[in-house]
């Protein structure tokens, strides 16, 4: 179902980062982007990290969902839902989330999907791998 779209929303960015800082001017600082986590064992939780999502061409109020899922088992590791408001289609909506205590049940490929009003507008892969043990 589409509400208020003149045309489809456009994904501007979808990033995993060590931190996202919002300055007093609302300018974002995205620190340490990555696509891979390493752990010596599973299940695993990692130090706090962040997600930056941005979209345009979506004037009005909309529901959004960001869902991080293990591709092999379809287990959801991180569900984020909410609403945003854009005055015009030219506005770029920037959504930032600090993530702590997300538990990854096993190694493998995880996909972060970004939906607006139930429509998929983009995705990003996160690889979670077993850390290689150094021999001794």
Protein backbone atom coordinates (compact mmCIF):
# COMPACT_ATOMS: atom_id res chain seq x y z
CA UNK A 1 0.00 0.00 0.00
CA UNK A 2 1.39 3.38 -0.96
CA UNK A 3 0.35 6.54 0.80
CA UNK A 4 1.33 9.96 -0.44
CA UNK A 5 4.02 8.91 -2.89
CA UNK A 6 4.17 10.90 -6.10
CA UNK A 7 6.60 8.21 -7.14
CA UNK A 8 8.61 5.57 -5.31
CA UNK A 9 10.80 6.54 -2.34
CA UNK A 10 14.51 6.59 -3.14
CA UNK A 11 17.18 5.00 -0.95
CA UNK A 12 19.96 7.53 -0.34
CA UNK A 13 22.10 5.46 2.06
CA UNK A 14 22.04 2.39 4.26
CA UNK A 15 25.20 1.92 6.35
CA UNK A 16 26.59 -0.01 9.30
CA UNK A 17 28.98 2.14 11.35
CA UNK A 18 30.89 2.18 14.61
CA UNK A 19 29.11 5.43 15.51
CA UNK A 20 26.82 8.07 14.05
CA UNK A 21 27.14 11.49 15.63
CA UNK A 22 24.45 14.14 15.22
CA UNK A 23 25.81 17.67 15.60
CA UNK A 24 23.81 20.63 16.93
CA UNK A 25 23.18 21.67 13.31
CA UNK A 26 21.66 18.18 12.67
CA UNK A 27 24.65 17.35 10.45
CA UNK A 28 25.61 13.66 10.73
CA UNK A 29 29.10 12.30 11.27
CA UNK A 30 29.35 8.65 10.23
CA UNK A 31 32.39 7.04 11.84
CA UNK A 32 33.89 3.69 10.81
CA UNK A 33 31.62 2.04 8.25
CA UNK A 34 31.89 -1.73 7.93
CA UNK A 35 30.29 -4.82 6.38
CA UNK A 36 31.77 -7.54 8.60
CA UNK A 37 31.82 -8.63 12.24
CA UNK A 38 34.17 -11.30 13.64
CA UNK A 39 33.59 -13.38 16.77
CA UNK A 40 35.55 -16.26 18.34
CA UNK A 41 32.27 -18.00 19.30
CA UNK A 42 28.51 -17.97 18.81
CA UNK A 43 26.04 -16.77 19.85
CA UNK A 44 27.79 -13.40 19.81
CA UNK A 45 27.07 -9.80 20.77
CA UNK A 46 29.29 -6.96 19.65
CA UNK A 47 30.24 -3.60 21.20
CA UNK A 48 27.70 -0.84 20.47
CA UNK A 49 27.40 0.02 16.79
CA UNK A 50 25.04 2.08 14.63
CA UNK A 51 22.82 2.06 11.57
CA UNK A 52 22.37 5.07 9.28
CA UNK A 53 19.44 5.00 6.85
CA UNK A 54 18.41 7.82 4.54
CA UNK A 55 15.64 8.15 1.98
CA UNK A 56 14.12 10.84 -0.22
CA UNK A 57 11.03 11.29 -2.38
CA UNK A 58 8.62 10.49 0.46
CA UNK A 59 6.62 13.59 1.43
CA UNK A 60 4.17 13.16 4.28
CA UNK A 61 4.05 10.77 7.21
CA UNK A 62 5.21 7.20 6.64
CA UNK A 63 5.84 4.00 8.56
CA UNK A 64 9.27 2.44 8.25
CA UNK A 65 10.90 -0.83 9.25
CA UNK A 66 14.54 -1.84 9.39
CA UNK A 67 14.98 -5.57 9.93
CA UNK A 68 18.26 -7.46 10.28
CA UNK A 69 17.74 -11.15 9.47
CA UNK A 70 20.01 -14.21 9.23
CA UNK A 71 19.53 -15.27 5.60
CA UNK A 72 19.89 -19.03 6.17
CA UNK A 73 17.42 -19.35 9.07
CA UNK A 74 15.28 -16.20 8.58
CA UNK A 75 15.84 -15.46 12.28
CA UNK A 76 15.36 -11.74 13.02
CA UNK A 77 18.24 -10.35 15.03
CA UNK A 78 17.17 -6.71 15.07
CA UNK A 79 13.70 -5.29 14.36
CA UNK A 80 13.34 -1.48 14.28
CA UNK A 81 10.00 0.16 13.47
CA UNK A 82 8.70 3.70 13.56
CA UNK A 83 7.35 6.67 11.67
CA UNK A 84 8.90 9.67 9.98
CA UNK A 85 7.58 12.92 8.55
CA UNK A 86 8.88 14.70 5.44
CA UNK A 87 7.62 18.11 4.39
CA UNK A 88 8.46 17.72 0.68
CA UNK A 89 9.67 14.99 -1.69
CA UNK A 90 13.02 16.80 -1.86
CA UNK A 91 13.63 16.32 1.88
CA UNK A 92 16.16 13.63 2.75
CA UNK A 93 15.01 11.79 5.85
CA UNK A 94 17.97 10.61 7.92
CA UNK A 95 17.34 7.87 10.47
CA UNK A 96 20.08 6.86 12.92
CA UNK A 97 19.99 4.05 15.45
CA UNK A 98 22.48 3.03 18.12
CA UNK A 99 22.53 -0.75 18.52
CA UNK A 100 23.57 -2.50 21.71
CA UNK A 101 23.03 -6.09 22.81
CA UNK A 102 21.92 -7.48 19.44
CA UNK A 103 22.70 -11.20 19.63
CA UNK A 104 23.84 -13.02 16.49
CA UNK A 105 22.97 -16.71 16.94
CA UNK A 106 25.46 -18.05 14.39
CA UNK A 107 27.93 -17.04 11.76
CA UNK A 108 26.74 -16.32 8.25
CA UNK A 109 25.17 -13.69 6.05
CA UNK A 110 22.65 -11.27 7.54
CA UNK A 111 20.59 -8.83 5.50
CA UNK A 112 19.30 -5.47 6.69
CA UNK A 113 16.12 -4.52 4.83
CA UNK A 114 14.62 -1.02 4.77
CA UNK A 115 10.87 -0.79 4.15
CA UNK A 116 8.71 2.32 3.87
CA UNK A 117 4.97 1.71 4.17
CA UNK A 118 5.63 -2.00 3.61
CA UNK A 119 7.55 -1.45 0.36
CA UNK A 120 11.18 -2.60 0.20
CA UNK A 121 13.37 0.32 -0.82
CA UNK A 122 16.78 -1.20 -0.17
CA UNK A 123 18.95 -3.69 1.67
CA UNK A 124 22.49 -4.19 2.87
CA UNK A 125 24.45 -7.34 3.69
CA UNK A 126 26.35 -7.83 6.95
CA UNK A 127 28.76 -10.77 7.17
CA UNK A 128 29.24 -12.29 10.62
CA UNK A 129 32.22 -14.62 10.65
CA UNK A 130 34.14 -16.88 12.97
CA UNK A 131 37.38 -15.17 13.97
CA UNK A 132 40.47 -17.10 12.97
CA UNK A 133 42.35 -18.30 16.04
CA UNK A 134 46.07 -17.59 15.94
CA UNK A 135 48.08 -20.76 16.44
CA UNK A 136 50.47 -21.05 19.30
